[in-house]
Each structure stands twice: as structure tokens, then as C-alpha cells.
N, C-alpha and C. Protein backbone atom coordinates (compact mmCIF):
# COMPACT_ATOMS: atom_id res chain seq x y z
N MET A 1 -103.63 84.54 -141.01
CA MET A 1 -103.50 85.89 -140.47
C MET A 1 -103.55 86.88 -141.61
N PRO A 2 -104.22 88.05 -141.45
CA PRO A 2 -104.32 89.02 -142.53
C PRO A 2 -102.96 89.63 -142.83
N SER A 3 -102.84 90.15 -144.06
CA SER A 3 -101.58 90.83 -144.39
C SER A 3 -101.42 92.06 -143.51
N ILE A 4 -100.19 92.38 -143.20
CA ILE A 4 -99.91 93.46 -142.27
C ILE A 4 -98.99 94.47 -142.93
N VAL A 5 -99.32 95.74 -142.82
CA VAL A 5 -98.48 96.79 -143.35
C VAL A 5 -97.78 97.46 -142.18
N VAL A 6 -96.47 97.42 -142.19
CA VAL A 6 -95.69 98.05 -141.13
C VAL A 6 -94.59 98.84 -141.80
N ASP A 7 -94.43 100.11 -141.46
CA ASP A 7 -93.38 100.90 -142.09
C ASP A 7 -92.02 100.55 -141.51
N ASP A 8 -90.96 101.02 -142.19
CA ASP A 8 -89.59 100.69 -141.79
C ASP A 8 -89.25 101.15 -140.39
N ALA A 9 -89.86 102.22 -139.92
CA ALA A 9 -89.55 102.76 -138.60
C ALA A 9 -90.28 102.00 -137.49
N LYS A 10 -91.03 100.97 -137.88
CA LYS A 10 -91.80 100.18 -136.91
C LYS A 10 -92.70 101.08 -136.05
N THR A 11 -93.40 101.96 -136.74
CA THR A 11 -94.26 102.91 -136.05
C THR A 11 -95.72 102.50 -136.10
N SER A 12 -95.97 101.26 -136.44
CA SER A 12 -97.35 100.79 -136.43
C SER A 12 -97.38 99.42 -135.77
N THR A 13 -98.54 99.05 -135.32
CA THR A 13 -98.73 97.78 -134.64
C THR A 13 -99.70 96.94 -135.45
N PRO A 14 -99.36 95.69 -135.77
CA PRO A 14 -100.25 94.87 -136.57
C PRO A 14 -101.54 94.54 -135.83
N LEU A 15 -102.61 94.44 -136.60
CA LEU A 15 -103.90 94.04 -136.06
C LEU A 15 -103.97 92.53 -136.13
N THR A 16 -104.19 91.90 -134.99
CA THR A 16 -104.30 90.44 -134.97
C THR A 16 -105.71 90.06 -134.59
N GLU A 17 -106.08 88.88 -134.98
CA GLU A 17 -107.43 88.42 -134.67
C GLU A 17 -107.63 88.21 -133.18
N SER A 18 -106.55 88.08 -132.43
CA SER A 18 -106.69 87.85 -131.00
C SER A 18 -106.68 89.14 -130.19
N SER A 19 -106.57 90.29 -130.87
CA SER A 19 -106.56 91.57 -130.17
C SER A 19 -107.93 91.84 -129.56
N THR A 20 -107.95 92.16 -128.27
CA THR A 20 -109.21 92.48 -127.61
C THR A 20 -109.01 93.59 -126.63
N SER A 21 -110.06 94.32 -126.37
CA SER A 21 -110.03 95.32 -125.30
C SER A 21 -111.45 95.47 -124.77
N VAL A 22 -111.54 95.91 -123.55
CA VAL A 22 -112.84 96.11 -122.91
C VAL A 22 -112.89 97.55 -122.43
N ALA A 23 -113.94 98.27 -122.79
CA ALA A 23 -114.10 99.65 -122.33
C ALA A 23 -114.95 99.62 -121.07
N LEU A 24 -114.42 100.09 -120.00
CA LEU A 24 -115.14 100.14 -118.73
C LEU A 24 -115.72 101.53 -118.52
N VAL A 25 -116.75 101.62 -117.71
CA VAL A 25 -117.36 102.91 -117.43
C VAL A 25 -116.36 103.86 -116.80
N ASP A 26 -115.48 103.34 -115.95
CA ASP A 26 -114.49 104.20 -115.31
C ASP A 26 -113.17 104.22 -116.09
N ASP A 27 -113.24 103.91 -117.37
CA ASP A 27 -112.07 103.90 -118.24
C ASP A 27 -111.44 105.29 -118.26
N PRO A 28 -110.13 105.40 -118.04
CA PRO A 28 -109.46 106.71 -118.08
C PRO A 28 -109.59 107.40 -119.42
N LYS A 29 -109.81 106.63 -120.51
CA LYS A 29 -109.98 107.25 -121.83
C LYS A 29 -111.16 108.21 -121.83
N MET A 30 -112.17 107.89 -121.01
CA MET A 30 -113.36 108.72 -120.99
C MET A 30 -113.06 110.12 -120.45
N ALA A 31 -112.03 110.23 -119.63
CA ALA A 31 -111.68 111.52 -119.04
C ALA A 31 -110.67 112.28 -119.90
N GLU A 32 -110.14 111.64 -120.94
CA GLU A 32 -109.15 112.29 -121.79
C GLU A 32 -109.77 113.44 -122.57
N ASP A 33 -108.90 114.37 -122.97
CA ASP A 33 -109.31 115.45 -123.85
C ASP A 33 -109.35 114.90 -125.27
N HIS A 34 -110.51 114.88 -125.87
CA HIS A 34 -110.64 114.39 -127.23
C HIS A 34 -110.74 115.52 -128.24
N GLY A 35 -110.57 116.77 -127.80
CA GLY A 35 -110.63 117.90 -128.72
C GLY A 35 -111.93 117.91 -129.48
N SER A 36 -111.83 118.05 -130.79
CA SER A 36 -113.01 118.05 -131.65
C SER A 36 -113.24 116.68 -132.29
N CYS A 37 -112.67 115.64 -131.70
CA CYS A 37 -112.83 114.28 -132.22
C CYS A 37 -114.10 113.65 -131.68
N THR A 38 -114.74 112.89 -132.54
CA THR A 38 -115.88 112.08 -132.13
C THR A 38 -115.40 110.64 -132.01
N ILE A 39 -115.69 110.02 -130.89
CA ILE A 39 -115.34 108.62 -130.68
C ILE A 39 -116.46 107.76 -131.27
N ILE A 40 -116.14 106.98 -132.28
CA ILE A 40 -117.13 106.14 -132.93
C ILE A 40 -117.38 104.89 -132.08
N THR A 41 -118.66 104.59 -131.87
CA THR A 41 -119.02 103.48 -130.98
C THR A 41 -119.58 102.26 -131.71
N ASN A 42 -120.07 102.44 -132.94
CA ASN A 42 -120.61 101.31 -133.70
C ASN A 42 -120.74 101.70 -135.17
N LYS A 43 -121.12 100.75 -136.00
CA LYS A 43 -121.18 101.00 -137.45
C LYS A 43 -122.23 102.04 -137.82
N SER A 44 -123.38 102.03 -137.16
CA SER A 44 -124.40 103.02 -137.50
C SER A 44 -123.96 104.43 -137.11
N HIS A 45 -123.25 104.55 -136.01
CA HIS A 45 -122.68 105.84 -135.60
C HIS A 45 -121.68 106.31 -136.66
N TRP A 46 -120.83 105.40 -137.13
CA TRP A 46 -119.86 105.68 -138.19
C TRP A 46 -120.57 106.18 -139.45
N GLN A 47 -121.59 105.44 -139.87
CA GLN A 47 -122.29 105.81 -141.11
C GLN A 47 -122.99 107.16 -140.97
N ALA A 48 -123.55 107.43 -139.80
CA ALA A 48 -124.20 108.73 -139.58
C ALA A 48 -123.19 109.87 -139.71
N LYS A 49 -121.99 109.68 -139.20
CA LYS A 49 -120.95 110.71 -139.30
C LYS A 49 -120.47 110.89 -140.73
N LEU A 50 -120.34 109.79 -141.48
CA LEU A 50 -119.95 109.91 -142.89
C LEU A 50 -121.04 110.62 -143.69
N ASP A 51 -122.30 110.29 -143.41
CA ASP A 51 -123.42 110.94 -144.10
C ASP A 51 -123.45 112.44 -143.79
N ASP A 52 -123.24 112.78 -142.52
CA ASP A 52 -123.20 114.19 -142.10
C ASP A 52 -122.08 114.93 -142.82
N ALA A 53 -120.92 114.32 -142.88
CA ALA A 53 -119.77 114.94 -143.55
C ALA A 53 -120.07 115.18 -145.02
N GLN A 54 -120.69 114.19 -145.66
CA GLN A 54 -121.00 114.34 -147.08
C GLN A 54 -122.01 115.44 -147.30
N SER A 55 -123.03 115.53 -146.47
CA SER A 55 -124.04 116.58 -146.63
C SER A 55 -123.45 117.97 -146.38
N ARG A 56 -122.42 118.05 -145.54
CA ARG A 56 -121.77 119.33 -145.24
C ARG A 56 -120.54 119.57 -146.12
N GLN A 57 -120.28 118.65 -147.04
CA GLN A 57 -119.13 118.71 -147.94
C GLN A 57 -117.82 118.86 -147.17
N LYS A 58 -117.66 118.04 -146.15
CA LYS A 58 -116.47 118.04 -145.31
C LYS A 58 -115.67 116.76 -145.53
N ILE A 59 -114.37 116.90 -145.42
CA ILE A 59 -113.48 115.74 -145.41
C ILE A 59 -113.46 115.17 -144.00
N VAL A 60 -113.47 113.85 -143.91
CA VAL A 60 -113.39 113.16 -142.63
C VAL A 60 -111.96 112.69 -142.45
N VAL A 61 -111.40 112.93 -141.27
CA VAL A 61 -110.08 112.43 -140.92
C VAL A 61 -110.28 111.43 -139.79
N VAL A 62 -109.81 110.20 -140.01
CA VAL A 62 -110.07 109.11 -139.06
C VAL A 62 -108.77 108.57 -138.50
N ASP A 63 -108.76 108.39 -137.19
CA ASP A 63 -107.65 107.74 -136.49
C ASP A 63 -108.13 106.35 -136.06
N PHE A 64 -107.64 105.30 -136.77
CA PHE A 64 -107.91 103.93 -136.36
C PHE A 64 -106.81 103.54 -135.39
N ASN A 65 -107.19 103.19 -134.17
CA ASN A 65 -106.22 102.96 -133.11
C ASN A 65 -106.66 101.82 -132.21
N ALA A 66 -105.81 101.52 -131.23
CA ALA A 66 -106.14 100.50 -130.22
C ALA A 66 -105.52 100.93 -128.90
N SER A 67 -106.20 100.62 -127.81
CA SER A 67 -105.74 101.03 -126.49
C SER A 67 -104.40 100.40 -126.13
N TRP A 68 -104.10 99.23 -126.66
CA TRP A 68 -102.87 98.51 -126.34
C TRP A 68 -101.71 98.85 -127.27
N CYS A 69 -101.92 99.75 -128.21
CA CYS A 69 -100.93 100.09 -129.25
C CYS A 69 -100.08 101.27 -128.81
N GLY A 70 -98.80 101.04 -128.58
CA GLY A 70 -97.89 102.11 -128.16
C GLY A 70 -97.82 103.28 -129.13
N PRO A 71 -97.58 103.03 -130.44
CA PRO A 71 -97.55 104.14 -131.39
C PRO A 71 -98.87 104.92 -131.45
N CYS A 72 -99.99 104.24 -131.21
CA CYS A 72 -101.30 104.92 -131.18
C CYS A 72 -101.35 105.90 -130.02
N ARG A 73 -100.84 105.49 -128.88
CA ARG A 73 -100.84 106.36 -127.70
C ARG A 73 -99.95 107.58 -127.93
N LEU A 74 -98.89 107.41 -128.69
CA LEU A 74 -98.03 108.56 -129.01
C LEU A 74 -98.72 109.53 -129.96
N MET A 75 -99.50 109.01 -130.90
CA MET A 75 -100.14 109.85 -131.90
C MET A 75 -101.47 110.44 -131.43
N GLY A 76 -102.07 109.86 -130.40
CA GLY A 76 -103.37 110.34 -129.92
C GLY A 76 -103.41 111.83 -129.62
N PRO A 77 -102.48 112.36 -128.81
CA PRO A 77 -102.50 113.79 -128.50
C PRO A 77 -102.24 114.67 -129.74
N ILE A 78 -101.47 114.18 -130.68
CA ILE A 78 -101.20 114.93 -131.92
C ILE A 78 -102.48 115.02 -132.74
N PHE A 79 -103.23 113.92 -132.82
CA PHE A 79 -104.50 113.91 -133.55
C PHE A 79 -105.49 114.86 -132.90
N VAL A 80 -105.54 114.87 -131.58
CA VAL A 80 -106.43 115.78 -130.85
C VAL A 80 -106.06 117.23 -131.14
N GLU A 81 -104.78 117.55 -131.14
CA GLU A 81 -104.35 118.92 -131.45
C GLU A 81 -104.74 119.32 -132.87
N LEU A 82 -104.60 118.41 -133.82
CA LEU A 82 -105.03 118.69 -135.19
C LEU A 82 -106.53 118.94 -135.24
N SER A 83 -107.29 118.17 -134.45
CA SER A 83 -108.75 118.35 -134.45
C SER A 83 -109.13 119.73 -133.92
N LYS A 84 -108.35 120.26 -133.01
CA LYS A 84 -108.61 121.60 -132.50
C LYS A 84 -108.22 122.66 -133.53
N LYS A 85 -107.08 122.46 -134.15
CA LYS A 85 -106.57 123.43 -135.13
C LYS A 85 -107.47 123.50 -136.37
N TYR A 86 -107.96 122.35 -136.81
CA TYR A 86 -108.71 122.29 -138.07
C TYR A 86 -110.18 121.92 -137.86
N GLU A 87 -110.74 122.27 -136.70
CA GLU A 87 -112.11 121.86 -136.41
C GLU A 87 -113.12 122.41 -137.41
N ASN A 88 -112.81 123.53 -138.06
CA ASN A 88 -113.74 124.10 -139.05
C ASN A 88 -113.54 123.52 -140.44
N ASN A 89 -112.45 122.78 -140.64
CA ASN A 89 -112.13 122.24 -141.95
C ASN A 89 -112.57 120.78 -142.14
N PHE A 90 -112.47 119.99 -141.08
CA PHE A 90 -112.69 118.56 -141.17
C PHE A 90 -113.62 118.06 -140.08
N ILE A 91 -114.07 116.84 -140.26
CA ILE A 91 -114.73 116.10 -139.19
C ILE A 91 -113.73 115.03 -138.75
N PHE A 92 -113.38 115.04 -137.48
CA PHE A 92 -112.38 114.12 -136.93
C PHE A 92 -113.06 112.99 -136.17
N LEU A 93 -112.69 111.76 -136.52
CA LEU A 93 -113.25 110.58 -135.88
C LEU A 93 -112.13 109.69 -135.35
N LYS A 94 -112.41 109.05 -134.23
CA LYS A 94 -111.48 108.06 -133.66
C LYS A 94 -112.22 106.73 -133.59
N VAL A 95 -111.55 105.68 -134.08
CA VAL A 95 -112.14 104.35 -134.09
C VAL A 95 -111.18 103.40 -133.39
N ASP A 96 -111.63 102.80 -132.30
CA ASP A 96 -110.86 101.74 -131.65
C ASP A 96 -111.12 100.46 -132.44
N VAL A 97 -110.07 99.90 -133.01
CA VAL A 97 -110.23 98.76 -133.92
C VAL A 97 -110.83 97.54 -133.24
N ASP A 98 -110.66 97.42 -131.95
CA ASP A 98 -111.22 96.28 -131.22
C ASP A 98 -112.68 96.48 -130.86
N GLU A 99 -113.09 97.71 -130.71
CA GLU A 99 -114.46 98.00 -130.30
C GLU A 99 -115.41 98.15 -131.47
N VAL A 100 -114.91 98.52 -132.63
CA VAL A 100 -115.75 98.73 -133.82
C VAL A 100 -115.14 97.91 -134.96
N LEU A 101 -115.11 96.61 -134.74
CA LEU A 101 -114.43 95.70 -135.65
C LEU A 101 -115.04 95.69 -137.05
N GLU A 102 -116.34 95.86 -137.15
CA GLU A 102 -116.99 95.84 -138.46
C GLU A 102 -116.49 96.97 -139.34
N VAL A 103 -116.35 98.17 -138.79
CA VAL A 103 -115.82 99.31 -139.55
C VAL A 103 -114.36 99.07 -139.89
N THR A 104 -113.61 98.56 -138.93
CA THR A 104 -112.19 98.25 -139.15
C THR A 104 -112.03 97.29 -140.33
N ASN A 105 -112.84 96.26 -140.37
CA ASN A 105 -112.77 95.28 -141.46
C ASN A 105 -113.25 95.87 -142.78
N ASP A 106 -114.34 96.64 -142.74
CA ASP A 106 -114.87 97.25 -143.97
C ASP A 106 -113.82 98.12 -144.67
N TRP A 107 -113.00 98.80 -143.89
CA TRP A 107 -111.99 99.70 -144.45
C TRP A 107 -110.61 99.03 -144.54
N GLU A 108 -110.57 97.74 -144.30
CA GLU A 108 -109.36 96.92 -144.46
C GLU A 108 -108.16 97.47 -143.69
N ILE A 109 -108.41 97.83 -142.44
CA ILE A 109 -107.34 98.33 -141.57
C ILE A 109 -106.57 97.12 -141.05
N ARG A 110 -105.25 97.11 -141.28
CA ARG A 110 -104.42 95.97 -140.90
C ARG A 110 -103.32 96.33 -139.91
N ALA A 111 -103.10 97.62 -139.65
CA ALA A 111 -102.06 98.05 -138.71
C ALA A 111 -102.51 99.36 -138.08
N MET A 112 -102.01 99.61 -136.91
CA MET A 112 -102.34 100.85 -136.20
C MET A 112 -101.09 101.58 -135.79
N PRO A 113 -101.17 102.89 -135.72
CA PRO A 113 -102.33 103.66 -136.14
C PRO A 113 -102.41 103.74 -137.67
N THR A 114 -103.62 103.84 -138.16
CA THR A 114 -103.88 104.15 -139.56
C THR A 114 -104.78 105.37 -139.59
N PHE A 115 -104.41 106.33 -140.41
CA PHE A 115 -105.18 107.56 -140.56
C PHE A 115 -105.74 107.60 -141.97
N LEU A 116 -107.06 107.77 -142.07
CA LEU A 116 -107.71 107.88 -143.37
C LEU A 116 -108.27 109.28 -143.55
N PHE A 117 -108.18 109.77 -144.78
CA PHE A 117 -108.87 110.99 -145.19
C PHE A 117 -109.96 110.52 -146.15
N ILE A 118 -111.21 110.85 -145.83
CA ILE A 118 -112.36 110.35 -146.59
C ILE A 118 -113.17 111.54 -147.08
N LYS A 119 -113.50 111.49 -148.38
CA LYS A 119 -114.36 112.53 -148.96
C LYS A 119 -115.45 111.83 -149.75
N ASP A 120 -116.69 112.26 -149.54
CA ASP A 120 -117.85 111.67 -150.22
C ASP A 120 -117.88 110.15 -150.05
N GLY A 121 -117.52 109.69 -148.86
CA GLY A 121 -117.57 108.27 -148.55
C GLY A 121 -116.46 107.43 -149.14
N LYS A 122 -115.46 108.08 -149.78
CA LYS A 122 -114.37 107.35 -150.40
C LYS A 122 -113.03 107.79 -149.83
N GLU A 123 -112.13 106.83 -149.66
CA GLU A 123 -110.78 107.13 -149.17
C GLU A 123 -110.04 107.96 -150.21
N ILE A 124 -109.49 109.11 -149.78
CA ILE A 124 -108.68 109.93 -150.68
C ILE A 124 -107.21 109.93 -150.27
N ASP A 125 -106.91 109.50 -149.06
CA ASP A 125 -105.53 109.43 -148.60
C ASP A 125 -105.44 108.53 -147.39
N LYS A 126 -104.24 108.00 -147.16
CA LYS A 126 -104.04 107.05 -146.07
C LYS A 126 -102.61 107.15 -145.55
N ILE A 127 -102.47 107.12 -144.24
CA ILE A 127 -101.16 107.08 -143.60
C ILE A 127 -101.17 105.89 -142.64
N VAL A 128 -100.21 105.00 -142.79
CA VAL A 128 -100.07 103.86 -141.90
C VAL A 128 -98.83 104.09 -141.05
N GLY A 129 -99.01 104.10 -139.74
CA GLY A 129 -97.88 104.30 -138.83
C GLY A 129 -97.93 105.65 -138.15
N ALA A 130 -97.08 105.80 -137.17
CA ALA A 130 -97.03 107.01 -136.33
C ALA A 130 -96.12 108.05 -136.98
N ASN A 131 -96.61 108.66 -138.06
CA ASN A 131 -95.83 109.64 -138.80
C ASN A 131 -96.45 111.02 -138.59
N LYS A 132 -96.02 111.69 -137.55
CA LYS A 132 -96.57 112.99 -137.16
C LYS A 132 -96.44 114.01 -138.29
N ASP A 133 -95.26 114.11 -138.89
CA ASP A 133 -95.03 115.11 -139.93
C ASP A 133 -95.94 114.89 -141.13
N GLU A 134 -96.08 113.65 -141.56
CA GLU A 134 -96.92 113.34 -142.71
C GLU A 134 -98.39 113.66 -142.40
N LEU A 135 -98.85 113.34 -141.22
CA LEU A 135 -100.24 113.63 -140.84
C LEU A 135 -100.48 115.13 -140.83
N GLN A 136 -99.56 115.89 -140.28
CA GLN A 136 -99.71 117.34 -140.25
C GLN A 136 -99.67 117.94 -141.66
N LYS A 137 -98.78 117.44 -142.52
CA LYS A 137 -98.69 117.94 -143.90
C LYS A 137 -99.97 117.67 -144.68
N LYS A 138 -100.50 116.47 -144.53
CA LYS A 138 -101.72 116.13 -145.27
C LYS A 138 -102.91 116.94 -144.76
N ALA A 139 -103.01 117.14 -143.47
CA ALA A 139 -104.09 117.96 -142.93
C ALA A 139 -103.99 119.38 -143.46
N GLN A 140 -102.79 119.93 -143.47
CA GLN A 140 -102.60 121.29 -143.98
C GLN A 140 -102.93 121.35 -145.48
N PHE A 141 -102.49 120.34 -146.23
CA PHE A 141 -102.77 120.30 -147.67
C PHE A 141 -104.26 120.27 -147.94
N TYR A 142 -104.98 119.37 -147.31
CA TYR A 142 -106.42 119.25 -147.58
C TYR A 142 -107.20 120.45 -147.04
N ALA A 143 -106.76 121.03 -145.95
CA ALA A 143 -107.42 122.24 -145.43
C ALA A 143 -107.26 123.40 -146.41
N SER A 144 -106.11 123.46 -147.07
CA SER A 144 -105.83 124.55 -148.01
C SER A 144 -106.46 124.34 -149.36
N ASN A 145 -106.81 123.10 -149.69
CA ASN A 145 -107.28 122.77 -151.04
C ASN A 145 -108.71 122.24 -151.07
N GLN A 146 -109.51 122.62 -150.09
CA GLN A 146 -110.90 122.19 -150.11
C GLN A 146 -111.66 123.00 -151.14
N SER A 147 -112.50 122.27 -151.89
CA SER A 147 -113.29 122.98 -152.91
C SER A 147 -114.76 122.95 -152.58
């Protein structure tokens, strides 16, 4: 089993090899408000978004989550609100770890939710767990310090 990072408050859920989910056409997630978030569907979609961000000199903020993860469901609306507040500052992406496993593995995601801040294709910051205050502080920091 891969190593798992879980904070003391138990605000993250470990990624296991047996985790699975199926997205149905009538999935309620499709009707959710995703704000300014783009739902990543495959690795080429992911790479296109990273390339776009780099060409526009934007930081990418990514929410790695899973439909079965309780802390992810708590953080989802907070991430959407941040995407609305900072839509001109960042590109916001959501990745379901079960649906886009190749990206999840490439970025060594071991627990959910995990939030990455990516600039020029490289990770510049990471939050593991459902830490609303930390996510908001980092978004504010990077929005204020973009060069």
C-alpha cells in the first residue's frame, strides 16, 4: 500500500488501490455549481490546462478529491467559492482521483483532499487535508504576490 499522509485532525482520506467510482450521465455532480473550476476528465485535458496556464502566466490551483471522501465533500463548496473570488488570478481545476488516476499518480497524491498550487508546470505549494483557513490564506497570498 502507498504511503499515506493524514494530518492530526484526520481531515484527509487515504487513497487506496481499491478506491473506485463510476460517473453516470445523471450523476448529481453534473448539476452542481462548479464556479470557475474546470473538471479534469483525462491526462490530455490536464496537460492542455497546464499548458494554457503557463502561456497565460497563471498559477493553477488544483483540488484532488474523491466522491466517496467526506472531507472532500466539505471542502468542495469552499473551493468553488475561492474559484469565484479569484477567477481572474488563478486557473482552478478539480481532479477526481479515481477518474483520472494517471494524473493522481504522476503528482503522487496519497490522501484527499489535496490542494496543489502549480506554476510553470511545477508544484509551488501543497495542502493535504480539509484545512479551509490554510487554503484561503495561500490563495490570498499567491493572488497578492503574482509577478
